[in-house]
Amino acid sequence: MAALMKPEAPLWPTLWAFTLTTCALVMGSAGGPSFLDSGELIAAARELGGIHPPGHPAWMSLAPAAEWIPWGAYGARVVWLSAIFAGLSAALVTRIASRWLGASMGL
């Protein structure tokens, strides 16, 4: 049974994916509402309201956590929180890929 288990993949690709994705999105962010539904999303996050369908329920339940970021305008904090969520998503995909493909890719 132990022969079927894969060795633990290294953590550095996951950390790099999170860091690079988050930094790139924060550096390229508008710092507030800029295009399409961004203003509506920021207002709904601030007031704990709903938005037009499909409503993005997972994002709407997590976006009020932007209050915990201690600096910047609320719009910028929501943008930074979205960048952190994107970085976590990239890290998760990288972690899964390195576990599945790690030995064949030299990771």
N, C-alpha and C. Protein backbone atom coordinates (compact mmCIF):
# COMPACT_ATOMS: atom_id res chain seq x y z
N MET A 1 0.82 -1.19 0.00
CA MET A 1 0.00 0.00 0.00
C MET A 1 0.87 1.26 0.00
N ALA A 2 1.96 1.23 0.73
CA ALA A 2 2.83 2.41 0.80
C ALA A 2 3.48 2.71 -0.54
N ALA A 3 3.66 1.68 -1.38
CA ALA A 3 4.26 1.90 -2.69
C ALA A 3 3.35 2.70 -3.61
N LEU A 4 2.05 2.68 -3.35
CA LEU A 4 1.09 3.41 -4.18
C LEU A 4 1.05 4.89 -3.84
N MET A 5 1.50 5.26 -2.68
CA MET A 5 1.44 6.66 -2.26
C MET A 5 2.58 7.44 -2.88
N LYS A 6 2.27 8.60 -3.42
CA LYS A 6 3.29 9.46 -4.02
C LYS A 6 3.99 10.25 -2.92
N PRO A 7 5.27 10.54 -3.12
CA PRO A 7 5.96 11.37 -2.13
C PRO A 7 5.40 12.79 -2.14
N GLU A 8 5.56 13.45 -1.04
CA GLU A 8 5.07 14.82 -0.92
C GLU A 8 5.79 15.74 -1.90
N ALA A 9 5.02 16.52 -2.63
CA ALA A 9 5.59 17.46 -3.59
C ALA A 9 6.21 18.64 -2.84
N PRO A 10 7.25 19.26 -3.39
CA PRO A 10 7.85 20.42 -2.72
C PRO A 10 6.87 21.60 -2.68
N LEU A 11 7.06 22.43 -1.71
CA LEU A 11 6.14 23.55 -1.49
C LEU A 11 6.51 24.80 -2.27
N TRP A 12 7.75 24.92 -2.76
CA TRP A 12 8.18 26.16 -3.40
C TRP A 12 7.39 26.53 -4.64
N PRO A 13 6.96 25.60 -5.51
CA PRO A 13 6.16 26.05 -6.67
C PRO A 13 4.83 26.67 -6.24
N THR A 14 4.25 26.12 -5.18
CA THR A 14 2.98 26.65 -4.68
C THR A 14 3.17 28.06 -4.13
N LEU A 15 4.21 28.26 -3.36
CA LEU A 15 4.47 29.59 -2.80
C LEU A 15 4.78 30.61 -3.89
N TRP A 16 5.54 30.19 -4.90
CA TRP A 16 5.85 31.09 -6.01
C TRP A 16 4.59 31.45 -6.79
N ALA A 17 3.72 30.48 -7.03
CA ALA A 17 2.48 30.76 -7.76
C ALA A 17 1.63 31.77 -7.01
N PHE A 18 1.50 31.58 -5.69
CA PHE A 18 0.72 32.53 -4.89
C PHE A 18 1.34 33.92 -4.91
N THR A 19 2.64 33.98 -4.67
CA THR A 19 3.33 35.27 -4.58
C THR A 19 3.30 36.03 -5.91
N LEU A 20 3.65 35.35 -6.98
CA LEU A 20 3.69 36.03 -8.29
C LEU A 20 2.31 36.47 -8.74
N THR A 21 1.31 35.61 -8.58
CA THR A 21 -0.04 35.97 -9.00
C THR A 21 -0.58 37.14 -8.19
N THR A 22 -0.45 37.06 -6.88
CA THR A 22 -0.97 38.12 -6.02
C THR A 22 -0.25 39.44 -6.28
N CYS A 23 1.06 39.42 -6.37
CA CYS A 23 1.82 40.65 -6.62
C CYS A 23 1.48 41.25 -7.97
N ALA A 24 1.38 40.43 -8.99
CA ALA A 24 1.05 40.94 -10.33
C ALA A 24 -0.33 41.59 -10.35
N LEU A 25 -1.29 40.97 -9.68
CA LEU A 25 -2.64 41.54 -9.68
C LEU A 25 -2.74 42.79 -8.82
N VAL A 26 -2.04 42.83 -7.70
CA VAL A 26 -2.05 44.03 -6.86
C VAL A 26 -1.37 45.19 -7.58
N MET A 27 -0.23 44.91 -8.22
CA MET A 27 0.50 45.98 -8.92
C MET A 27 -0.28 46.49 -10.14
N GLY A 28 -1.07 45.65 -10.75
CA GLY A 28 -1.83 46.06 -11.93
C GLY A 28 -3.25 46.47 -11.64
N SER A 29 -3.62 46.53 -10.36
CA SER A 29 -5.01 46.85 -10.02
C SER A 29 -5.29 48.34 -10.16
N ALA A 30 -6.56 48.64 -10.32
CA ALA A 30 -6.98 50.03 -10.48
C ALA A 30 -7.09 50.74 -9.14
N GLY A 31 -7.19 50.01 -8.05
CA GLY A 31 -7.30 50.64 -6.75
C GLY A 31 -8.70 51.10 -6.40
N GLY A 32 -9.68 50.66 -7.13
CA GLY A 32 -11.06 51.02 -6.88
C GLY A 32 -11.93 50.62 -8.05
N PRO A 33 -13.17 51.09 -8.06
CA PRO A 33 -14.06 50.71 -9.16
C PRO A 33 -13.57 51.29 -10.48
N SER A 34 -13.57 50.45 -11.50
CA SER A 34 -13.03 50.93 -12.77
C SER A 34 -13.85 50.53 -13.98
N PHE A 35 -14.39 49.33 -14.04
CA PHE A 35 -14.97 48.86 -15.28
C PHE A 35 -16.10 47.88 -14.99
N LEU A 36 -17.12 47.93 -15.80
CA LEU A 36 -18.27 47.02 -15.75
C LEU A 36 -18.89 46.98 -14.36
N ASP A 37 -18.89 45.83 -13.71
CA ASP A 37 -19.63 45.66 -12.45
C ASP A 37 -18.79 45.91 -11.21
N SER A 38 -17.59 46.44 -11.34
CA SER A 38 -16.72 46.55 -10.17
C SER A 38 -17.31 47.46 -9.10
N GLY A 39 -17.91 48.57 -9.49
CA GLY A 39 -18.53 49.45 -8.50
C GLY A 39 -19.69 48.79 -7.80
N GLU A 40 -20.49 48.05 -8.54
CA GLU A 40 -21.62 47.34 -7.95
C GLU A 40 -21.14 46.27 -6.97
N LEU A 41 -20.08 45.56 -7.33
CA LEU A 41 -19.54 44.53 -6.44
C LEU A 41 -18.98 45.14 -5.16
N ILE A 42 -18.28 46.26 -5.27
CA ILE A 42 -17.72 46.90 -4.09
C ILE A 42 -18.82 47.43 -3.18
N ALA A 43 -19.85 48.05 -3.76
CA ALA A 43 -20.96 48.56 -2.96
C ALA A 43 -21.71 47.43 -2.27
N ALA A 44 -21.93 46.34 -2.98
CA ALA A 44 -22.64 45.21 -2.38
C ALA A 44 -21.81 44.57 -1.27
N ALA A 45 -20.50 44.52 -1.44
CA ALA A 45 -19.64 43.96 -0.39
C ALA A 45 -19.67 44.85 0.85
N ARG A 46 -19.68 46.15 0.64
CA ARG A 46 -19.68 47.09 1.77
C ARG A 46 -20.99 47.04 2.55
N GLU A 47 -22.10 46.93 1.83
CA GLU A 47 -23.42 46.97 2.46
C GLU A 47 -24.00 45.58 2.70
N LEU A 48 -23.23 44.52 2.38
CA LEU A 48 -23.70 43.14 2.51
C LEU A 48 -24.98 42.91 1.72
N GLY A 49 -25.03 43.51 0.55
CA GLY A 49 -26.21 43.38 -0.30
C GLY A 49 -26.02 42.33 -1.37
N GLY A 50 -27.00 42.26 -2.25
CA GLY A 50 -26.94 41.32 -3.35
C GLY A 50 -26.69 42.06 -4.65
N ILE A 51 -26.25 41.32 -5.65
CA ILE A 51 -26.02 41.90 -6.96
C ILE A 51 -26.85 41.13 -7.97
N HIS A 52 -26.79 41.58 -9.21
CA HIS A 52 -27.59 40.95 -10.26
C HIS A 52 -27.18 39.49 -10.45
N PRO A 53 -28.05 38.66 -11.02
CA PRO A 53 -27.71 37.24 -11.23
C PRO A 53 -26.46 37.10 -12.06
N PRO A 54 -25.62 36.16 -11.80
CA PRO A 54 -25.74 35.02 -10.90
C PRO A 54 -25.46 35.36 -9.44
N GLY A 55 -24.99 36.52 -9.12
CA GLY A 55 -24.84 36.95 -7.74
C GLY A 55 -23.51 36.65 -7.08
N HIS A 56 -22.72 35.76 -7.61
CA HIS A 56 -21.41 35.42 -7.07
C HIS A 56 -21.46 35.20 -5.56
N PRO A 57 -22.21 34.18 -5.09
CA PRO A 57 -22.43 34.03 -3.65
C PRO A 57 -21.16 33.77 -2.84
N ALA A 58 -20.22 33.02 -3.37
CA ALA A 58 -18.99 32.75 -2.60
C ALA A 58 -18.19 34.04 -2.42
N TRP A 59 -18.04 34.81 -3.49
CA TRP A 59 -17.30 36.06 -3.40
C TRP A 59 -18.02 37.04 -2.48
N MET A 60 -19.34 37.10 -2.58
CA MET A 60 -20.10 38.05 -1.75
C MET A 60 -20.03 37.69 -0.27
N SER A 61 -19.87 36.41 0.05
CA SER A 61 -19.76 36.04 1.46
C SER A 61 -18.35 36.28 2.01
N LEU A 62 -17.34 36.32 1.12
CA LEU A 62 -15.96 36.52 1.56
C LEU A 62 -15.48 37.97 1.43
N ALA A 63 -16.09 38.75 0.56
CA ALA A 63 -15.63 40.12 0.31
C ALA A 63 -15.70 41.04 1.52
N PRO A 64 -16.66 40.90 2.44
CA PRO A 64 -16.63 41.78 3.62
C PRO A 64 -15.37 41.63 4.47
N ALA A 65 -14.58 40.59 4.24
CA ALA A 65 -13.31 40.45 4.95
C ALA A 65 -12.33 41.56 4.58
N ALA A 66 -12.64 42.34 3.55
CA ALA A 66 -11.79 43.48 3.18
C ALA A 66 -11.73 44.51 4.30
N GLU A 67 -12.69 44.50 5.19
CA GLU A 67 -12.66 45.40 6.35
C GLU A 67 -11.43 45.14 7.22
N TRP A 68 -10.90 43.92 7.17
CA TRP A 68 -9.77 43.55 8.03
C TRP A 68 -8.45 44.08 7.51
N ILE A 69 -8.39 44.47 6.24
CA ILE A 69 -7.15 45.03 5.70
C ILE A 69 -7.04 46.46 6.23
N PRO A 70 -5.96 46.78 6.95
CA PRO A 70 -5.94 48.02 7.72
C PRO A 70 -5.63 49.30 6.96
N TRP A 71 -5.31 49.26 5.68
CA TRP A 71 -4.93 50.49 4.99
C TRP A 71 -5.64 50.57 3.65
N GLY A 72 -5.75 51.80 3.14
CA GLY A 72 -6.33 52.04 1.83
C GLY A 72 -7.82 52.27 1.86
N ALA A 73 -8.33 52.77 0.75
CA ALA A 73 -9.77 52.97 0.60
C ALA A 73 -10.46 51.62 0.50
N TYR A 74 -11.75 51.60 0.78
CA TYR A 74 -12.46 50.32 0.78
C TYR A 74 -12.43 49.66 -0.59
N GLY A 75 -12.55 50.44 -1.65
CA GLY A 75 -12.50 49.87 -3.00
C GLY A 75 -11.18 49.20 -3.28
N ALA A 76 -10.09 49.82 -2.86
CA ALA A 76 -8.77 49.22 -3.06
C ALA A 76 -8.62 47.95 -2.23
N ARG A 77 -9.17 47.95 -1.02
CA ARG A 77 -9.08 46.77 -0.18
C ARG A 77 -9.82 45.58 -0.78
N VAL A 78 -10.98 45.85 -1.40
CA VAL A 78 -11.72 44.77 -2.06
C VAL A 78 -10.93 44.24 -3.24
N VAL A 79 -10.30 45.12 -3.99
CA VAL A 79 -9.46 44.70 -5.12
C VAL A 79 -8.30 43.85 -4.62
N TRP A 80 -7.65 44.26 -3.54
CA TRP A 80 -6.52 43.49 -3.00
C TRP A 80 -6.99 42.13 -2.49
N LEU A 81 -8.17 42.09 -1.87
CA LEU A 81 -8.69 40.81 -1.40
C LEU A 81 -8.98 39.88 -2.57
N SER A 82 -9.49 40.43 -3.66
CA SER A 82 -9.71 39.62 -4.86
C SER A 82 -8.38 39.10 -5.42
N ALA A 83 -7.34 39.91 -5.35
CA ALA A 83 -6.01 39.46 -5.79
C ALA A 83 -5.50 38.33 -4.90
N ILE A 84 -5.75 38.41 -3.61
CA ILE A 84 -5.35 37.34 -2.70
C ILE A 84 -6.11 36.06 -3.03
N PHE A 85 -7.42 36.17 -3.30
CA PHE A 85 -8.20 34.99 -3.68
C PHE A 85 -7.68 34.38 -4.97
N ALA A 86 -7.32 35.20 -5.94
CA ALA A 86 -6.76 34.69 -7.20
C ALA A 86 -5.41 34.02 -6.95
N GLY A 87 -4.60 34.58 -6.07
CA GLY A 87 -3.33 33.96 -5.72
C GLY A 87 -3.51 32.62 -5.04
N LEU A 88 -4.51 32.52 -4.16
CA LEU A 88 -4.81 31.24 -3.53
C LEU A 88 -5.28 30.21 -4.55
N SER A 89 -6.07 30.65 -5.52
CA SER A 89 -6.51 29.74 -6.58
C SER A 89 -5.33 29.24 -7.41
N ALA A 90 -4.43 30.14 -7.77
CA ALA A 90 -3.24 29.74 -8.53
C ALA A 90 -2.37 28.79 -7.71
N ALA A 91 -2.26 29.04 -6.42
CA ALA A 91 -1.46 28.16 -5.57
C ALA A 91 -2.09 26.77 -5.48
N LEU A 92 -3.41 26.72 -5.38
CA LEU A 92 -4.09 25.42 -5.31
C LEU A 92 -3.91 24.63 -6.60
N VAL A 93 -4.07 25.29 -7.74
CA VAL A 93 -3.87 24.62 -9.03
C VAL A 93 -2.43 24.14 -9.16
N THR A 94 -1.48 24.96 -8.75
CA THR A 94 -0.07 24.57 -8.81
C THR A 94 0.22 23.40 -7.89
N ARG A 95 -0.36 23.41 -6.72
CA ARG A 95 -0.15 22.31 -5.76
C ARG A 95 -0.69 21.00 -6.32
N ILE A 96 -1.89 21.05 -6.89
CA ILE A 96 -2.47 19.84 -7.47
C ILE A 96 -1.64 19.35 -8.64
N ALA A 97 -1.22 20.26 -9.51
CA ALA A 97 -0.41 19.88 -10.67
C ALA A 97 0.94 19.31 -10.24
N SER A 98 1.56 19.90 -9.23
CA SER A 98 2.86 19.38 -8.80
C SER A 98 2.73 18.03 -8.11
N ARG A 99 1.59 17.78 -7.47
CA ARG A 99 1.38 16.45 -6.88
C ARG A 99 1.17 15.40 -7.96
N TRP A 100 0.42 15.76 -9.01
CA TRP A 100 0.11 14.80 -10.08
C TRP A 100 1.25 14.64 -11.07
N LEU A 101 1.91 15.73 -11.41
CA LEU A 101 2.91 15.71 -12.47
C LEU A 101 4.32 15.94 -11.98
N GLY A 102 4.51 16.06 -10.69
CA GLY A 102 5.79 16.47 -10.14
C GLY A 102 6.97 15.62 -10.56
N ALA A 103 6.86 14.31 -10.48
CA ALA A 103 7.99 13.44 -10.81
C ALA A 103 8.33 13.53 -12.30
N SER A 104 7.32 13.64 -13.13
CA SER A 104 7.59 13.69 -14.57
C SER A 104 8.12 15.05 -15.01
N MET A 105 7.90 16.09 -14.20
CA MET A 105 8.36 17.44 -14.56
C MET A 105 9.60 17.85 -13.77
N GLY A 106 10.08 16.99 -12.92
CA GLY A 106 11.28 17.30 -12.15
C GLY A 106 11.02 18.17 -10.95
N LEU A 107 9.79 18.26 -10.51
CA LEU A 107 9.47 19.07 -9.33
C LEU A 107 9.52 18.24 -8.07
